[in-house]
C-alpha atoms as a PDB file:
ATOM      1  CA  MET A   1       0.000   0.000   0.000  1.00  0.00           C
ATOM      2  CA  ASP A   2       1.475   3.352  -1.059  1.00  0.00           C
ATOM      3  CA  LYS A   3      -0.600   5.572   1.228  1.00  0.00           C
ATOM      4  CA  VAL A   4       0.220   5.814   4.943  1.00  0.00           C
ATOM      5  CA  ILE A   5      -2.275   7.040   7.549  1.00  0.00           C
ATOM      6  CA  ILE A   6      -0.838   9.264  10.279  1.00  0.00           C
ATOM      7  CA  THR A   7      -2.427   9.350  13.731  1.00  0.00           C
ATOM      8  CA  ALA A   8      -1.490  12.178  16.087  1.00  0.00           C
ATOM      9  CA  ALA A   9      -1.633  11.257  19.785  1.00  0.00           C
ATOM     10  CA  VAL A  10      -1.455  14.775  21.099  1.00  0.00           C
ATOM     11  CA  THR A  11      -1.393  14.557  24.895  1.00  0.00           C
ATOM     12  CA  GLY A  12      -1.841  11.080  26.435  1.00  0.00           C
ATOM     13  CA  SER A  13      -1.929  10.681  30.210  1.00  0.00           C
ATOM     14  CA  GLN A  14       1.728  10.447  31.260  1.00  0.00           C
ATOM     15  CA  PRO A  15       3.745  13.437  29.911  1.00  0.00           C
ATOM     16  CA  SER A  16       3.521  16.699  31.835  1.00  0.00           C
ATOM     17  CA  ARG A  17       4.243  20.348  31.208  1.00  0.00           C
ATOM     18  CA  GLU A  18       7.189  19.981  33.566  1.00  0.00           C
ATOM     19  CA  MET A  19       8.625  17.587  30.972  1.00  0.00           C
ATOM     20  CA  ASN A  20       7.666  19.760  27.979  1.00  0.00           C
ATOM     21  CA  PRO A  21       5.910  23.121  28.428  1.00  0.00           C
ATOM     22  CA  ASN A  22       4.377  22.800  24.938  1.00  0.00           C
ATOM     23  CA  LEU A  23       2.127  19.887  25.918  1.00  0.00           C
ATOM     24  CA  PRO A  24      -1.564  20.675  25.200  1.00  0.00           C
ATOM     25  CA  VAL A  25      -3.714  20.357  28.328  1.00  0.00           C
ATOM     26  CA  THR A  26      -7.021  22.212  28.030  1.00  0.00           C
ATOM     27  CA  PRO A  27      -9.754  21.065  25.609  1.00  0.00           C
ATOM     28  CA  GLU A  28      -9.114  24.136  23.451  1.00  0.00           C
ATOM     29  CA  GLU A  29      -5.369  23.405  23.322  1.00  0.00           C
ATOM     30  CA  ILE A  30      -5.962  19.728  22.512  1.00  0.00           C
ATOM     31  CA  ALA A  31      -8.397  20.537  19.697  1.00  0.00           C
ATOM     32  CA  THR A  32      -6.126  23.259  18.324  1.00  0.00           C
ATOM     33  CA  SER A  33      -3.186  20.866  18.347  1.00  0.00           C
ATOM     34  CA  ALA A  34      -5.304  18.270  16.523  1.00  0.00           C
ATOM     35  CA  ILE A  35      -6.142  20.716  13.740  1.00  0.00           C
ATOM     36  CA  GLU A  36      -2.508  21.791  13.452  1.00  0.00           C
ATOM     37  CA  CYS A  37      -1.625  18.113  13.021  1.00  0.00           C
ATOM     38  CA  LEU A  38      -4.284  17.773  10.324  1.00  0.00           C
ATOM     39  CA  ASP A  39      -2.701  20.656   8.437  1.00  0.00           C
ATOM     40  CA  ALA A  40       0.699  18.961   8.819  1.00  0.00           C
ATOM     41  CA  GLY A  41      -0.513  15.648   7.372  1.00  0.00           C
ATOM     42  CA  ALA A  42      -2.310  13.636  10.085  1.00  0.00           C
ATOM     43  CA  SER A  43      -5.813  12.341   9.420  1.00  0.00           C
ATOM     44  CA  ILE A  44      -6.608  10.838  12.850  1.00  0.00           C
ATOM     45  CA  VAL A  45      -6.327  12.405  16.291  1.00  0.00           C
ATOM     46  CA  HIS A  46      -6.111  10.134  19.323  1.00  0.00           C
ATOM     47  CA  VAL A  47      -7.596  11.933  22.327  1.00  0.00           C
ATOM     48  CA  HIS A  48      -6.970  11.767  26.057  1.00  0.00           C
ATOM     49  CA  VAL A  49      -8.164  14.607  28.276  1.00  0.00           C
ATOM     50  CA  ARG A  50      -6.553  16.411  31.197  1.00  0.00           C
ATOM     51  CA  ASP A  51      -7.832  18.366  34.162  1.00  0.00           C
ATOM     52  CA  PRO A  52      -7.369  21.944  32.892  1.00  0.00           C
ATOM     53  CA  GLN A  53      -6.326  23.152  36.345  1.00  0.00           C
ATOM     54  CA  THR A  54      -3.834  20.457  37.346  1.00  0.00           C
ATOM     55  CA  GLY A  55      -2.861  18.956  33.994  1.00  0.00           C
ATOM     56  CA  VAL A  56      -3.349  15.400  35.289  1.00  0.00           C
ATOM     57  CA  ARG A  57      -5.284  12.732  33.373  1.00  0.00           C
ATOM     58  CA  SER A  58      -9.045  12.883  33.584  1.00  0.00           C
ATOM     59  CA  THR A  59     -12.122  10.896  32.592  1.00  0.00           C
ATOM     60  CA  ASP A  60     -14.518  13.850  32.769  1.00  0.00           C
ATOM     61  CA  PHE A  61     -17.144  13.424  30.034  1.00  0.00           C
ATOM     62  CA  HIS A  62     -17.508  17.167  29.520  1.00  0.00           C
ATOM     63  CA  LEU A  63     -13.806  17.484  28.688  1.00  0.00           C
ATOM     64  CA  TYR A  64     -14.108  14.780  26.012  1.00  0.00           C
ATOM     65  CA  GLU A  65     -17.254  16.452  24.739  1.00  0.00           C
ATOM     66  CA  GLU A  66     -15.573  19.836  24.403  1.00  0.00           C
ATOM     67  CA  VAL A  67     -12.565  18.410  22.551  1.00  0.00           C
ATOM     68  CA  VAL A  68     -14.831  16.529  20.151  1.00  0.00           C
ATOM     69  CA  GLU A  69     -17.074  19.531  19.513  1.00  0.00           C
ATOM     70  CA  ARG A  70     -14.143  21.893  18.941  1.00  0.00           C
ATOM     71  CA  THR A  71     -12.403  19.453  16.606  1.00  0.00           C
ATOM     72  CA  ARG A  72     -15.537  18.661  14.610  1.00  0.00           C
ATOM     73  CA  ALA A  73     -16.403  22.343  14.280  1.00  0.00           C
ATOM     74  CA  LYS A  74     -13.163  23.148  12.449  1.00  0.00           C
ATOM     75  CA  SER A  75     -12.159  19.940  10.670  1.00  0.00           C
ATOM     76  CA  ASN A  76     -13.208  16.642   9.108  1.00  0.00           C
ATOM     77  CA  MET A  77     -10.515  14.801  11.059  1.00  0.00           C
ATOM     78  CA  ILE A  78     -11.143  11.231  12.254  1.00  0.00           C
ATOM     79  CA  ILE A  79     -11.494  11.307  16.044  1.00  0.00           C
ATOM     80  CA  ASN A  80     -10.201   8.353  18.066  1.00  0.00           C
ATOM     81  CA  LEU A  81     -11.055   8.579  21.779  1.00  0.00           C
ATOM     82  CA  THR A  82      -9.194   6.613  24.429  1.00  0.00           C
ATOM     83  CA  THR A  83     -10.885   4.085  26.711  1.00  0.00           C
ATOM     84  CA  GLY A  84      -7.675   3.236  28.560  1.00  0.00           C
ATOM     85  CA  PRO A  85      -8.251   5.277  31.737  1.00  0.00           C
ATOM     86  CA  GLY A  86     -10.217   3.127  34.138  1.00  0.00           C
ATOM     87  CA  GLY A  87      -7.963   0.094  34.136  1.00  0.00           C
ATOM     88  CA  GLN A  88      -4.946   1.535  35.920  1.00  0.00           C
ATOM     89  CA  VAL A  89      -4.001   0.204  39.344  1.00  0.00           C
ATOM     90  CA  PHE A  90      -1.024   1.518  41.311  1.00  0.00           C
ATOM     91  CA  MET A  91       0.275  -0.492  44.274  1.00  0.00           C
ATOM     92  CA  ASP A  92       3.353  -1.044  46.411  1.00  0.00           C
ATOM     93  CA  ALA A  93       5.203  -4.247  47.354  1.00  0.00           C
ATOM     94  CA  ASP A  94       2.673  -4.923  50.119  1.00  0.00           C
ATOM     95  CA  LEU A  95      -0.170  -4.627  47.571  1.00  0.00           C
ATOM     96  CA  ASN A  96      -1.402  -1.399  49.129  1.00  0.00           C
ATOM     97  CA  HIS A  97      -3.293   0.576  46.481  1.00  0.00           C
ATOM     98  CA  ASP A  98      -2.184   4.117  45.699  1.00  0.00           C
ATOM     99  CA  LEU A  99      -5.714   5.484  45.631  1.00  0.00           C
ATOM    100  CA  GLU A 100      -4.596   8.939  44.526  1.00  0.00           C
ATOM    101  CA  HIS A 101      -3.385   7.588  41.173  1.00  0.00           C
ATOM    102  CA  THR A 102      -5.465   4.426  40.690  1.00  0.00           C
ATOM    103  CA  ILE A 103      -8.398   4.754  38.285  1.00  0.00           C
ATOM    104  CA  LEU A 104     -10.493   1.591  38.256  1.00  0.00           C
ATOM    105  CA  MET A 105     -13.808   1.754  36.396  1.00  0.00           C
ATOM    106  CA  THR A 106     -16.355  -0.747  35.152  1.00  0.00           C
ATOM    107  CA  ALA A 107     -16.477  -1.723  31.481  1.00  0.00           C
ATOM    108  CA  ASP A 108     -19.637   0.354  31.026  1.00  0.00           C
ATOM    109  CA  GLN A 109     -18.034   3.394  32.637  1.00  0.00           C
ATOM    110  CA  ARG A 110     -14.943   3.124  30.436  1.00  0.00           C
ATOM    111  CA  VAL A 111     -17.014   3.334  27.255  1.00  0.00           C
ATOM    112  CA  GLU A 112     -19.796   5.673  28.400  1.00  0.00           C
ATOM    113  CA  HIS A 113     -18.256   8.650  26.580  1.00  0.00           C
ATOM    114  CA  ILE A 114     -17.905   6.500  23.445  1.00  0.00           C
ATOM    115  CA  GLN A 115     -21.591   5.625  23.414  1.00  0.00           C
ATOM    116  CA  LYS A 116     -22.621   9.234  23.938  1.00  0.00           C
ATOM    117  CA  LEU A 117     -20.186  11.007  21.594  1.00  0.00           C
ATOM    118  CA  LYS A 118     -19.890   8.268  18.937  1.00  0.00           C
ATOM    119  CA  PRO A 119     -16.451   9.070  17.542  1.00  0.00           C
ATOM    120  CA  GLU A 120     -15.506   7.131  14.428  1.00  0.00           C
ATOM    121  CA  MET A 121     -12.839   5.221  16.358  1.00  0.00           C
ATOM    122  CA  CYS A 122     -11.741   4.462  19.911  1.00  0.00           C
ATOM    123  CA  SER A 123      -8.940   2.500  21.509  1.00  0.00           C
ATOM    124  CA  LEU A 124      -9.544  -1.012  22.838  1.00  0.00           C
ATOM    125  CA  ASP A 125      -6.881  -2.341  25.216  1.00  0.00           C
ATOM    126  CA  ILE A 126      -7.324  -6.097  25.214  1.00  0.00           C
ATOM    127  CA  GLY A 127      -4.533  -7.314  27.490  1.00  0.00           C
ATOM    128  CA  SER A 128      -3.047  -6.533  30.880  1.00  0.00           C
ATOM    129  CA  THR A 129       0.462  -5.063  31.077  1.00  0.00           C
ATOM    130  CA  ASN A 130       2.952  -3.935  33.728  1.00  0.00           C
ATOM    131  CA  PHE A 131       4.069  -0.309  33.702  1.00  0.00           C
ATOM    132  CA  GLY A 132       6.440   0.000  36.657  1.00  0.00           C
ATOM    133  CA  SER A 133       4.334   0.342  39.797  1.00  0.00           C
ATOM    134  CA  MET A 134       1.169   0.502  37.695  1.00  0.00           C
ATOM    135  CA  VAL A 135      -0.667  -2.542  36.342  1.00  0.00           C
ATOM    136  CA  PHE A 136      -2.863  -1.888  33.320  1.00  0.00           C
ATOM    137  CA  VAL A 137      -5.747  -4.251  34.086  1.00  0.00           C
ATOM    138  CA  ASN A 138      -7.878  -5.552  31.204  1.00  0.00           C
ATOM    139  CA  PRO A 139      -9.442  -8.940  32.092  1.00  0.00           C
ATOM    140  CA  GLU A 140     -11.296 -10.734  29.308  1.00  0.00           C
ATOM    141  CA  VAL A 141     -14.733 -10.220  30.864  1.00  0.00           C
ATOM    142  CA  VAL A 142     -14.153  -6.452  30.819  1.00  0.00           C
ATOM    143  CA  VAL A 143     -12.673  -6.467  27.313  1.00  0.00           C
ATOM    144  CA  ASP A 144     -15.601  -8.492  25.948  1.00  0.00           C
ATOM    145  CA  ARG A 145     -18.120  -6.069  27.419  1.00  0.00           C
ATOM    146  CA  MET A 146     -16.266  -3.023  26.113  1.00  0.00           C
ATOM    147  CA  ALA A 147     -15.954  -4.526  22.626  1.00  0.00           C
ATOM    148  CA  ALA A 148     -19.681  -5.333  22.604  1.00  0.00           C
ATOM    149  CA  LYS A 149     -20.554  -1.767  23.642  1.00  0.00           C
ATOM    150  CA  MET A 150     -18.311  -0.304  20.931  1.00  0.00           C
ATOM    151  CA  LYS A 151     -19.962  -2.511  18.319  1.00  0.00           C
ATOM    152  CA  GLU A 152     -23.389  -1.487  19.590  1.00  0.00           C
ATOM    153  CA  ALA A 153     -22.418   2.188  19.233  1.00  0.00           C
ATOM    154  CA  GLY A 154     -21.079   1.673  15.702  1.00  0.00           C
ATOM    155  CA  VAL A 155     -17.564   2.794  16.690  1.00  0.00           C
ATOM    156  CA  LYS A 156     -14.530   1.049  15.172  1.00  0.00           C
ATOM    157  CA  PRO A 157     -12.067  -0.183  17.796  1.00  0.00           C
ATOM    158  CA  GLU A 158      -8.354   0.354  17.430  1.00  0.00           C
ATOM    159  CA  VAL A 159      -6.986  -2.817  19.031  1.00  0.00           C
ATOM    160  CA  GLU A 160      -3.901  -2.051  21.112  1.00  0.00           C
ATOM    161  CA  ILE A 161      -1.162  -4.713  20.990  1.00  0.00           C
ATOM    162  CA  PHE A 162       1.524  -4.431  23.676  1.00  0.00           C
ATOM    163  CA  ASP A 163       2.677  -8.069  23.530  1.00  0.00           C
ATOM    164  CA  PHE A 164       2.352 -11.215  21.418  1.00  0.00           C
ATOM    165  CA  GLY A 165      -0.329 -12.750  23.657  1.00  0.00           C
ATOM    166  CA  HIS A 166      -2.612  -9.833  22.927  1.00  0.00           C
ATOM    167  CA  ILE A 167      -2.920 -10.975  19.310  1.00  0.00           C
ATOM    168  CA  LYS A 168      -4.260 -14.315  20.539  1.00  0.00           C
ATOM    169  CA  ILE A 169      -6.862 -12.452  22.605  1.00  0.00           C
ATOM    170  CA  ALA A 170      -7.832 -10.415  19.531  1.00  0.00           C
ATOM    171  CA  LYS A 171      -8.317 -13.554  17.446  1.00  0.00           C
ATOM    172  CA  ARG A 172     -10.590 -14.878  20.185  1.00  0.00           C
ATOM    173  CA  LEU A 173     -12.667 -11.668  19.982  1.00  0.00           C
ATOM    174  CA  MET A 174     -12.967 -12.165  16.239  1.00  0.00           C
ATOM    175  CA  LYS A 175     -14.273 -15.697  16.731  1.00  0.00           C
ATOM    176  CA  LEU A 176     -16.851 -14.332  19.151  1.00  0.00           C
ATOM    177  CA  GLY A 177     -17.944 -11.749  16.589  1.00  0.00           C
ATOM    178  CA  LEU A 178     -16.881  -8.848  18.816  1.00  0.00           C
ATOM    179  CA  LEU A 179     -14.242  -7.693  16.322  1.00  0.00           C
ATOM    180  CA  GLU A 180     -14.837  -7.417  12.593  1.00  0.00           C
ATOM    181  CA  GLU A 181     -12.619  -9.167  10.048  1.00  0.00           C
ATOM    182  CA  ASN A 182     -11.381  -5.760   8.830  1.00  0.00           C
ATOM    183  CA  ALA A 183     -10.361  -4.714  12.362  1.00  0.00           C
ATOM    184  CA  HIS A 184      -7.667  -2.110  12.910  1.00  0.00           C
ATOM    185  CA  PHE A 185      -4.705  -2.957  15.134  1.00  0.00           C
ATOM    186  CA  GLN A 186      -2.002  -0.831  16.703  1.00  0.00           C
ATOM    187  CA  LEU A 187       1.442  -2.204  17.523  1.00  0.00           C
ATOM    188  CA  CYS A 188       2.601  -0.456  20.706  1.00  0.00           C
ATOM    189  CA  MET A 189       6.393  -0.655  20.739  1.00  0.00           C
ATOM    190  CA  GLY A 190       8.912   0.169  23.424  1.00  0.00           C
ATOM    191  CA  THR A 191       6.554   0.717  26.355  1.00  0.00           C
ATOM    192  CA  ASN A 192       7.758  -0.137  29.852  1.00  0.00           C
ATOM    193  CA  GLY A 193       6.571  -3.739  30.211  1.00  0.00           C
ATOM    194  CA  GLY A 194       5.686  -4.275  26.549  1.00  0.00           C
ATOM    195  CA  VAL A 195       7.626  -5.527  23.540  1.00  0.00           C
ATOM    196  CA  PRO A 196      10.877  -3.758  22.615  1.00  0.00           C
ATOM    197  CA  ALA A 197      10.790  -1.376  19.646  1.00  0.00           C
ATOM    198  CA  THR A 198      13.056  -3.263  17.242  1.00  0.00           C
ATOM    199  CA  ALA A 199      12.805  -4.013  13.544  1.00  0.00           C
ATOM    200  CA  LYS A 200      12.785  -7.767  14.192  1.00  0.00           C
ATOM    201  CA  ILE A 201       9.972  -7.713  16.744  1.00  0.00           C
ATOM    202  CA  SER A 202       7.822  -5.231  14.834  1.00  0.00           C
ATOM    203  CA  THR A 203       8.066  -7.487  11.782  1.00  0.00           C
ATOM    204  CA  MET A 204       7.192 -10.567  13.851  1.00  0.00           C
ATOM    205  CA  LEU A 205       4.153  -8.834  15.380  1.00  0.00           C
ATOM    206  CA  ALA A 206       2.888  -7.660  12.002  1.00  0.00           C
ATOM    207  CA  ASP A 207       3.276 -11.184  10.610  1.00  0.00           C
ATOM    208  CA  GLU A 208       1.140 -12.588  13.461  1.00  0.00           C
ATOM    209  CA  LEU A 209      -1.848 -10.314  12.759  1.00  0.00           C
ATOM    210  CA  PRO A 210      -4.936 -11.876  11.177  1.00  0.00           C
ATOM    211  CA  GLY A 211      -5.284 -11.514   7.415  1.00  0.00           C
ATOM    212  CA  GLY A 212      -7.485  -8.740   6.078  1.00  0.00           C
ATOM    213  CA  VAL A 213      -6.841  -6.257   8.887  1.00  0.00           C
ATOM    214  CA  THR A 214      -5.196  -2.849   8.852  1.00  0.00           C
ATOM    215  CA  TRP A 215      -2.558  -1.840  11.381  1.00  0.00           C
ATOM    216  CA  SER A 216      -0.482   1.047  12.628  1.00  0.00           C
ATOM    217  CA  ILE A 217       2.607   1.271  14.819  1.00  0.00           C
ATOM    218  CA  PHE A 218       4.181   3.647  17.298  1.00  0.00           C
ATOM    219  CA  GLY A 219       7.425   3.732  19.231  1.00  0.00           C
ATOM    220  CA  VAL A 220       7.981   5.384  22.599  1.00  0.00           C
ATOM    221  CA  GLY A 221      10.623   8.060  23.105  1.00  0.00           C
ATOM    222  CA  ARG A 222      13.662   7.895  20.826  1.00  0.00           C
ATOM    223  CA  THR A 223      12.123   4.936  18.964  1.00  0.00           C
ATOM    224  CA  GLN A 224       9.246   7.024  17.626  1.00  0.00           C
ATOM    225  CA  PHE A 225      10.794   7.898  14.286  1.00  0.00           C
ATOM    226  CA  PRO A 226      12.476   4.522  13.635  1.00  0.00           C
ATOM    227  CA  MET A 227       9.050   2.916  14.079  1.00  0.00           C
ATOM    228  CA  VAL A 228       7.586   5.441  11.618  1.00  0.00           C
ATOM    229  CA  ALA A 229      10.062   4.141   9.052  1.00  0.00           C
ATOM    230  CA  MET A 230       9.243   0.512   9.922  1.00  0.00           C
ATOM    231  CA  GLY A 231       5.505   1.076   9.589  1.00  0.00           C
ATOM    232  CA  ALA A 232       5.833   2.813   6.246  1.00  0.00           C
ATOM    233  CA  VAL A 233       8.229   0.231   4.804  1.00  0.00           C
ATOM    234  CA  MET A 234       6.135  -2.749   5.962  1.00  0.00           C
ATOM    235  CA  GLY A 235       2.879  -1.447   4.492  1.00  0.00           C
ATOM    236  CA  GLY A 236       1.319  -0.316   7.748  1.00  0.00           C
ATOM    237  CA  HIS A 237       0.319   3.045   9.176  1.00  0.00           C
ATOM    238  CA  ILE A 238       1.917   5.138  11.901  1.00  0.00           C
ATOM    239  CA  ARG A 239       1.315   7.188  15.029  1.00  0.00           C
ATOM    240  CA  VAL A 240       3.354  10.064  16.403  1.00  0.00           C
ATOM    241  CA  GLY A 241       2.705  12.683  19.042  1.00  0.00           C
ATOM    242  CA  MET A 242       3.555  13.931  22.487  1.00  0.00           C
ATOM    243  CA  GLU A 243       1.693  11.089  24.172  1.00  0.00           C
ATOM    244  CA  ASP A 244       4.597   8.866  23.148  1.00  0.00           C
ATOM    245  CA  ASN A 245       7.530  11.235  22.698  1.00  0.00           C
ATOM    246  CA  ILE A 246       8.216  14.844  23.675  1.00  0.00           C
ATOM    247  CA  TYR A 247      11.472  15.273  21.724  1.00  0.00           C
ATOM    248  CA  LEU A 248      12.193  16.247  18.129  1.00  0.00           C
ATOM    249  CA  SER A 249      15.724  14.902  18.430  1.00  0.00           C
ATOM    250  CA  GLN A 250      18.063  13.919  21.249  1.00  0.00           C
ATOM    251  CA  GLY A 251      17.908  16.615  23.927  1.00  0.00           C
ATOM    252  CA  VAL A 252      15.696  18.899  21.802  1.00  0.00           C
ATOM    253  CA  LEU A 253      12.088  19.246  22.970  1.00  0.00           C
ATOM    254  CA  CYS A 254       9.474  19.468  20.235  1.00  0.00           C
ATOM    255  CA  ASP A 255       7.623  22.742  19.840  1.00  0.00           C
ATOM    256  CA  SER A 256       4.322  21.082  18.973  1.00  0.00           C
ATOM    257  CA  ASN A 257       2.642  17.869  17.910  1.00  0.00           C
ATOM    258  CA  ALA A 258       2.513  19.230  14.362  1.00  0.00           C
ATOM    259  CA  GLN A 259       6.311  19.349  14.331  1.00  0.00           C
ATOM    260  CA  LEU A 260       6.403  15.609  15.050  1.00  0.00           C
ATOM    261  CA  VAL A 261       3.851  14.987  12.289  1.00  0.00           C
ATOM    262  CA  GLU A 262       5.948  17.001   9.838  1.00  0.00           C
ATOM    263  CA  ARG A 263       8.998  14.881  10.669  1.00  0.00           C
ATOM    264  CA  ALA A 264       6.940  11.720  10.111  1.00  0.00           C
ATOM    265  CA  VAL A 265       5.720  13.002   6.733  1.00  0.00           C
ATOM    266  CA  GLY A 266       9.344  13.496   5.673  1.00  0.00           C
ATOM    267  CA  ILE A 267      10.242   9.924   6.669  1.00  0.00           C
ATOM    268  CA  ILE A 268       7.225   8.474   4.862  1.00  0.00           C
ATOM    269  CA  ARG A 269       8.115  10.294   1.659  1.00  0.00           C
ATOM    270  CA  ALA A 270      11.781   9.367   2.003  1.00  0.00           C
ATOM    271  CA  VAL A 271      10.868   5.658   1.778  1.00  0.00           C
ATOM    272  CA  GLY A 272       8.780   6.197  -1.340  1.00  0.00           C
ATOM    273  CA  LYS A 273       5.309   6.371   0.199  1.00  0.00           C
ATOM    274  CA  GLU A 274       2.743   9.166   0.420  1.00  0.00           C
ATOM    275  CA  VAL A 275       0.523  10.397   3.219  1.00  0.00           C
ATOM    276  CA  ALA A 276      -3.169   9.486   3.180  1.00  0.00           C
ATOM    277  CA  SER A 277      -5.776  12.237   3.240  1.00  0.00           C
ATOM    278  CA  VAL A 278      -8.670  12.062   5.686  1.00  0.00           C
ATOM    279  CA  ASP A 279     -11.022  10.742   3.005  1.00  0.00           C
ATOM    280  CA  GLU A 280      -8.469   8.151   1.898  1.00  0.00           C
ATOM    281  CA  ALA A 281      -7.964   7.091   5.508  1.00  0.00           C
ATOM    282  CA  ARG A 282     -11.708   6.605   5.949  1.00  0.00           C
ATOM    283  CA  THR A 283     -11.823   4.389   2.869  1.00  0.00           C
ATOM    284  CA  MET A 284      -8.831   2.300   3.930  1.00  0.00           C
ATOM    285  CA  LEU A 285     -10.226   1.806   7.429  1.00  0.00           C
ATOM    286  CA  GLY A 286     -13.747   1.000   6.240  1.00  0.00           C
ATOM    287  CA  LEU A 287     -15.303   3.952   8.052  1.00  0.00           C
ATOM    288  CA  ALA A 288     -18.584   5.479   6.943  1.00  0.00           C
ATOM    289  CA  SER A 289     -18.023   8.682   4.981  1.00  0.00           C
END
């Protein structure tokens, strides 16, 4: 495939303004950053929200709603909302929960904003993963319920793959009819507790995906741009943004998410591919126009 879809993950839940003062935090900043990324070449924005006062991750419906409304008002960009918050448990060696940082929600609560706002896409984390002192908890009973609710709402899941076993879980969801045969996967490379971001492992993961699906890839930190090259060369799609990486190059903080998108566009073109428009992305992903 000669066209590559770019997703911009503009804020995430982990980076802070102490790490990079250019991180978008408020709904207006997040939506503005999304549109800047569209102008730079991205066709999908992946959205987390933050408490505008503290900058910390949030699950407030009204924040999601404002980002979606602002983005839709000024663009035709594909909106991909996260459902990750709600499965994050922090604990110490004595299994004492850090209640200040733990966010544990039911399956219905994790997808409530999806059912109400009906974005074209949303993330679906299908496996549990260690992230230092945090365990990202996604038991099958929760995953099944979330997938069913997404299907009911007519929203296409982006299936997040942090390890090889997650592909087996995805194939199980397909057999149950909870994922379509043209599902979209994302290879999450280089996370703390997930698969390393190497050419060999990214190739192995892509080879294990079911036939007939589309997929994208991202790398964390300094692996972001090497994974852009891998995705483009292997016929996949890519994700960049400050959720995964706050640097333009070693020791140089990025000025914006759009700057990271522009760098990705250059890499894609350097390997002989071209960037997909929003309409082309919708067609490739099987989304309603």
